[in-house]
Amino acid sequence: MPWHIYILECKDGKLYTGITNNLSRRIKAHNSGNGCRYTKYRAPVKLLYSEEVLDKPSALKREIQIKRLRRPKKLALIAK
């Protein structure tokens, strides 16, 4: 089963990056307040970007790479 790295935009304009193996379920969880503490009070969220990888270790490595980027670089990645 493939894994997804995703970037969400919260209602306050902040970006959140995460991983999941079920993207639609995870977005619903974020929007219902059950996704994570960061997005709980920033819902609703909007999916801006996702990329698919083969396994969880690859997803974790890519998530770390993206989280280390500053906002302008994340926005450039989203715009591709």
C-alpha atoms as a PDB file:
ATOM      1  CA  MET A   1       0.000   0.000   0.000  1.00  0.00           C
ATOM      2  CA  PRO A   2       1.477   3.383  -0.968  1.00  0.00           C
ATOM      3  CA  TRP A   3       2.137   6.163   1.527  1.00  0.00           C
ATOM      4  CA  HIS A   4       1.473   9.860   0.970  1.00  0.00           C
ATOM      5  CA  ILE A   5       3.336  12.934   2.127  1.00  0.00           C
ATOM      6  CA  TYR A   6       0.965  15.882   2.221  1.00  0.00           C
ATOM      7  CA  ILE A   7       0.900  19.591   2.916  1.00  0.00           C
ATOM      8  CA  LEU A   8      -2.225  21.216   4.302  1.00  0.00           C
ATOM      9  CA  GLU A   9      -3.143  24.857   4.597  1.00  0.00           C
ATOM     10  CA  CYS A  10      -4.909  25.629   7.871  1.00  0.00           C
ATOM     11  CA  LYS A  11      -7.614  28.276   8.235  1.00  0.00           C
ATOM     12  CA  ASP A  12      -5.030  30.670   9.707  1.00  0.00           C
ATOM     13  CA  GLY A  13      -2.804  30.259   6.622  1.00  0.00           C
ATOM     14  CA  LYS A  14      -0.166  28.096   8.322  1.00  0.00           C
ATOM     15  CA  LEU A  15       1.146  25.003   6.582  1.00  0.00           C
ATOM     16  CA  TYR A  16       1.166  21.504   8.071  1.00  0.00           C
ATOM     17  CA  THR A  17       3.109  18.555   6.652  1.00  0.00           C
ATOM     18  CA  GLY A  18       2.337  14.931   7.451  1.00  0.00           C
ATOM     19  CA  ILE A  19       2.252  11.360   6.155  1.00  0.00           C
ATOM     20  CA  THR A  20      -0.484   8.754   5.848  1.00  0.00           C
ATOM     21  CA  ASN A  21      -1.400   5.582   4.024  1.00  0.00           C
ATOM     22  CA  ASN A  22      -5.013   6.767   3.549  1.00  0.00           C
ATOM     23  CA  LEU A  23      -5.080  10.394   2.431  1.00  0.00           C
ATOM     24  CA  SER A  24      -8.837  11.002   2.269  1.00  0.00           C
ATOM     25  CA  ARG A  25      -9.411   9.511   5.731  1.00  0.00           C
ATOM     26  CA  ARG A  26      -6.576  11.595   7.180  1.00  0.00           C
ATOM     27  CA  ILE A  27      -7.915  14.866   5.718  1.00  0.00           C
ATOM     28  CA  LYS A  28     -11.340  14.080   7.185  1.00  0.00           C
ATOM     29  CA  ALA A  29      -9.701  13.411  10.563  1.00  0.00           C
ATOM     30  CA  HIS A  30      -7.886  16.758  10.454  1.00  0.00           C
ATOM     31  CA  ASN A  31     -11.101  18.590   9.559  1.00  0.00           C
ATOM     32  CA  SER A  32     -13.081  16.883  12.327  1.00  0.00           C
ATOM     33  CA  GLY A  33     -10.500  17.883  14.952  1.00  0.00           C
ATOM     34  CA  ASN A  34      -9.120  14.361  15.388  1.00  0.00           C
ATOM     35  CA  GLY A  35      -6.099  14.607  13.076  1.00  0.00           C
ATOM     36  CA  CYS A  36      -3.489  16.052  15.405  1.00  0.00           C
ATOM     37  CA  ARG A  37      -3.079  18.719  18.039  1.00  0.00           C
ATOM     38  CA  TYR A  38      -1.587  21.215  15.554  1.00  0.00           C
ATOM     39  CA  THR A  39      -4.608  21.232  13.254  1.00  0.00           C
ATOM     40  CA  LYS A  40      -7.280  20.674  15.927  1.00  0.00           C
ATOM     41  CA  TYR A  41      -7.924  24.405  16.398  1.00  0.00           C
ATOM     42  CA  ARG A  42      -6.864  25.408  12.893  1.00  0.00           C
ATOM     43  CA  ALA A  43      -9.553  23.501  10.981  1.00  0.00           C
ATOM     44  CA  PRO A  44     -10.827  23.495   8.375  1.00  0.00           C
ATOM     45  CA  VAL A  45      -7.744  22.505   6.446  1.00  0.00           C
ATOM     46  CA  LYS A  46      -7.232  22.358   2.695  1.00  0.00           C
ATOM     47  CA  LEU A  47      -4.979  19.898   0.880  1.00  0.00           C
ATOM     48  CA  LEU A  48      -2.407  21.818  -1.160  1.00  0.00           C
ATOM     49  CA  TYR A  49       0.078  19.104  -2.081  1.00  0.00           C
ATOM     50  CA  SER A  50       0.634  15.369  -1.889  1.00  0.00           C
ATOM     51  CA  GLU A  51       3.179  12.966  -3.231  1.00  0.00           C
ATOM     52  CA  GLU A  52       3.126   9.201  -3.193  1.00  0.00           C
ATOM     53  CA  VAL A  53       5.976   6.922  -2.094  1.00  0.00           C
ATOM     54  CA  LEU A  54       6.242   3.155  -1.815  1.00  0.00           C
ATOM     55  CA  ASP A  55       6.773   2.624   1.902  1.00  0.00           C
ATOM     56  CA  LYS A  56       6.654   4.235   5.342  1.00  0.00           C
ATOM     57  CA  PRO A  57      10.437   4.684   5.776  1.00  0.00           C
ATOM     58  CA  SER A  58      10.569   6.617   2.484  1.00  0.00           C
ATOM     59  CA  ALA A  59       7.585   8.708   3.551  1.00  0.00           C
ATOM     60  CA  LEU A  60       9.208   9.561   6.892  1.00  0.00           C
ATOM     61  CA  LYS A  61      12.453  10.631   5.194  1.00  0.00           C
ATOM     62  CA  ARG A  62      10.628  12.806   2.686  1.00  0.00           C
ATOM     63  CA  GLU A  63       8.445  14.331   5.409  1.00  0.00           C
ATOM     64  CA  ILE A  64      11.570  15.390   7.303  1.00  0.00           C
ATOM     65  CA  GLN A  65      13.026  16.920   4.128  1.00  0.00           C
ATOM     66  CA  ILE A  66       9.874  18.942   3.520  1.00  0.00           C
ATOM     67  CA  LYS A  67       9.484  20.016   7.148  1.00  0.00           C
ATOM     68  CA  ARG A  68      13.017  21.455   7.060  1.00  0.00           C
ATOM     69  CA  LEU A  69      12.106  23.742   4.155  1.00  0.00           C
ATOM     70  CA  ARG A  70      11.170  27.334   4.854  1.00  0.00           C
ATOM     71  CA  ARG A  71       7.722  28.499   3.784  1.00  0.00           C
ATOM     72  CA  PRO A  72       8.797  30.032   0.419  1.00  0.00           C
ATOM     73  CA  LYS A  73      10.426  26.741  -0.620  1.00  0.00           C
ATOM     74  CA  LYS A  74       7.335  24.784   0.454  1.00  0.00           C
ATOM     75  CA  LEU A  75       5.160  27.105  -1.615  1.00  0.00           C
ATOM     76  CA  ALA A  76       7.490  26.605  -4.587  1.00  0.00           C
ATOM     77  CA  LEU A  77       7.153  22.836  -4.163  1.00  0.00           C
ATOM     78  CA  ILE A  78       3.366  23.172  -4.083  1.00  0.00           C
ATOM     79  CA  ALA A  79       3.395  25.329  -7.229  1.00  0.00           C
ATOM     80  CA  LYS A  80       5.219  22.691  -9.305  1.00  0.00           C
END
